[in-house]
C-alpha atoms as a PDB file:
ATOM      1  CA  MET A   1     -19.368  43.685 -54.490  1.00  0.00           C
ATOM      2  CA  ALA A   2     -20.329  47.089 -53.787  1.00  0.00           C
ATOM      3  CA  SER A   3     -19.350  48.437 -50.293  1.00  0.00           C
ATOM      4  CA  GLU A   4     -21.613  49.453 -47.604  1.00  0.00           C
ATOM      5  CA  HIS A   5     -20.951  53.237 -48.402  1.00  0.00           C
ATOM      6  CA  GLN A   6     -22.092  52.914 -52.125  1.00  0.00           C
ATOM      7  CA  LEU A   7     -25.337  51.407 -51.221  1.00  0.00           C
ATOM      8  CA  LYS A   8     -26.607  54.192 -49.043  1.00  0.00           C
ATOM      9  CA  LEU A   9     -28.380  57.379 -50.387  1.00  0.00           C
ATOM     10  CA  THR A  10     -27.393  59.410 -47.678  1.00  0.00           C
ATOM     11  CA  LEU A  11     -24.382  59.102 -45.059  1.00  0.00           C
ATOM     12  CA  THR A  12     -24.498  60.416 -41.515  1.00  0.00           C
ATOM     13  CA  VAL A  13     -22.020  63.378 -40.511  1.00  0.00           C
ATOM     14  CA  PRO A  14     -19.735  60.938 -38.841  1.00  0.00           C
ATOM     15  CA  GLU A  15     -19.412  58.912 -41.831  1.00  0.00           C
ATOM     16  CA  VAL A  16     -18.799  61.901 -43.953  1.00  0.00           C
ATOM     17  CA  ALA A  17     -16.230  62.897 -41.819  1.00  0.00           C
ATOM     18  CA  ARG A  18     -14.447  59.331 -41.657  1.00  0.00           C
ATOM     19  CA  LEU A  19     -14.411  59.245 -45.686  1.00  0.00           C
ATOM     20  CA  LEU A  20     -13.086  62.748 -46.002  1.00  0.00           C
ATOM     21  CA  ARG A  21     -10.530  62.224 -43.222  1.00  0.00           C
ATOM     22  CA  ILE A  22     -11.838  65.408 -41.250  1.00  0.00           C
ATOM     23  CA  SER A  23     -12.900  65.618 -37.797  1.00  0.00           C
ATOM     24  CA  ARG A  24     -16.780  65.594 -36.969  1.00  0.00           C
ATOM     25  CA  GLY A  25     -16.538  69.099 -36.002  1.00  0.00           C
ATOM     26  CA  SER A  26     -15.152  70.292 -39.313  1.00  0.00           C
ATOM     27  CA  ALA A  27     -17.865  68.241 -41.025  1.00  0.00           C
ATOM     28  CA  TYR A  28     -20.726  69.733 -39.018  1.00  0.00           C
ATOM     29  CA  LYS A  29     -19.081  73.444 -39.674  1.00  0.00           C
ATOM     30  CA  ALA A  30     -18.778  72.732 -43.549  1.00  0.00           C
ATOM     31  CA  ILE A  31     -22.580  71.828 -43.532  1.00  0.00           C
ATOM     32  CA  ARG A  32     -23.279  75.045 -41.442  1.00  0.00           C
ATOM     33  CA  THR A  33     -21.425  77.226 -43.639  1.00  0.00           C
ATOM     34  CA  GLY A  34     -22.997  75.594 -46.929  1.00  0.00           C
ATOM     35  CA  GLN A  35     -19.679  73.951 -48.198  1.00  0.00           C
ATOM     36  CA  LEU A  36     -21.355  70.642 -47.728  1.00  0.00           C
ATOM     37  CA  PRO A  37     -24.840  69.870 -48.875  1.00  0.00           C
ATOM     38  CA  SER A  38     -27.108  68.384 -46.395  1.00  0.00           C
ATOM     39  CA  LEU A  39     -30.564  67.469 -45.587  1.00  0.00           C
ATOM     40  CA  ARG A  40     -32.246  67.674 -42.300  1.00  0.00           C
ATOM     41  CA  PHE A  41     -34.780  65.611 -40.797  1.00  0.00           C
ATOM     42  CA  GLY A  42     -36.027  66.823 -37.446  1.00  0.00           C
ATOM     43  CA  ARG A  43     -32.564  66.741 -35.522  1.00  0.00           C
ATOM     44  CA  THR A  44     -30.913  64.313 -37.985  1.00  0.00           C
ATOM     45  CA  ILE A  45     -28.537  65.525 -40.566  1.00  0.00           C
ATOM     46  CA  ARG A  46     -27.826  63.517 -43.610  1.00  0.00           C
ATOM     47  CA  VAL A  47     -25.532  64.150 -46.510  1.00  0.00           C
ATOM     48  CA  PRO A  48     -26.770  62.691 -49.820  1.00  0.00           C
ATOM     49  CA  ARG A  49     -24.179  60.504 -51.239  1.00  0.00           C
ATOM     50  CA  VAL A  50     -24.426  61.981 -54.888  1.00  0.00           C
ATOM     51  CA  ALA A  51     -24.149  65.458 -53.528  1.00  0.00           C
ATOM     52  CA  LEU A  52     -20.843  64.661 -51.835  1.00  0.00           C
ATOM     53  CA  GLU A  53     -19.422  62.731 -54.974  1.00  0.00           C
ATOM     54  CA  GLU A  54     -20.383  65.758 -57.025  1.00  0.00           C
ATOM     55  CA  LEU A  55     -18.530  68.049 -54.730  1.00  0.00           C
ATOM     56  CA  LEU A  56     -15.368  65.894 -54.656  1.00  0.00           C
ATOM     57  CA  SER A  57     -15.214  65.591 -58.513  1.00  0.00           C
ATOM     58  CA  LYS A  58     -15.196  69.309 -58.977  1.00  0.00           C
ATOM     59  CA  PRO A  59     -11.383  70.563 -59.659  1.00  0.00           C
ATOM     60  CA  ALA A  60      -9.854  72.213 -56.654  1.00  0.00           C
ATOM     61  CA  ARG A  61      -9.387  76.021 -56.391  1.00  0.00           C
ATOM     62  CA  ASP A  62      -6.447  77.623 -56.953  1.00  0.00           C
ATOM     63  CA  ALA A  63      -5.436  78.893 -53.445  1.00  0.00           C
ATOM     64  CA  HIS A  64      -4.027  82.096 -54.806  1.00  0.00           C
ATOM     65  CA  SER A  65      -7.249  82.879 -56.786  1.00  0.00           C
ATOM     66  CA  GLU A  66      -9.167  83.808 -53.741  1.00  0.00           C
ATOM     67  CA  GLU A  67      -8.956  85.125 -50.152  1.00  0.00           C
ATOM     68  CA  ILE A  68      -8.531  83.120 -47.373  1.00  0.00           C
ATOM     69  CA  ALA A  69     -10.854  83.857 -44.441  1.00  0.00           C
ATOM     70  CA  VAL A  70      -8.842  83.764 -40.998  1.00  0.00           C
ATOM     71  CA  PRO A  71     -11.013  83.673 -37.921  1.00  0.00           C
ATOM     72  CA  ASN A  72     -10.312  86.213 -35.357  1.00  0.00           C
ATOM     73  CA  ASN A  73      -8.339  84.425 -32.708  1.00  0.00           C
ATOM     74  CA  THR A  74      -8.453  86.451 -29.351  1.00  0.00           C
ATOM     75  CA  PHE A  75      -7.190  85.315 -26.421  1.00  0.00           C
ATOM     76  CA  ARG A  76      -9.106  86.042 -22.896  1.00  0.00           C
ATOM     77  CA  SER A  77      -7.562  85.741 -19.781  1.00  0.00           C
ATOM     78  CA  GLY A  78      -9.374  85.238 -16.616  1.00  0.00           C
ATOM     79  CA  ASN A  79      -8.018  88.195 -15.072  1.00  0.00           C
ATOM     80  CA  LYS A  80     -10.028  91.437 -15.494  1.00  0.00           C
ATOM     81  CA  LYS A  81      -8.430  94.939 -14.990  1.00  0.00           C
END
């Protein structure tokens, strides 16, 4: 018998995060940056199951073939001089 996730046409962001074993925040970031396809209905965000399956079926990119963006991590202390 098919699982519940296989019957759904779309998945919620928390469902996608659980399936991918990433944090919910990382899933939202992937949606915001366009790495993860999504649909928006008002304030509701859904990820098409077919789009997620297609994304996962693509071959992994070689880590050495492209640059890796590193965020600018600056520390701000509460003391101003």
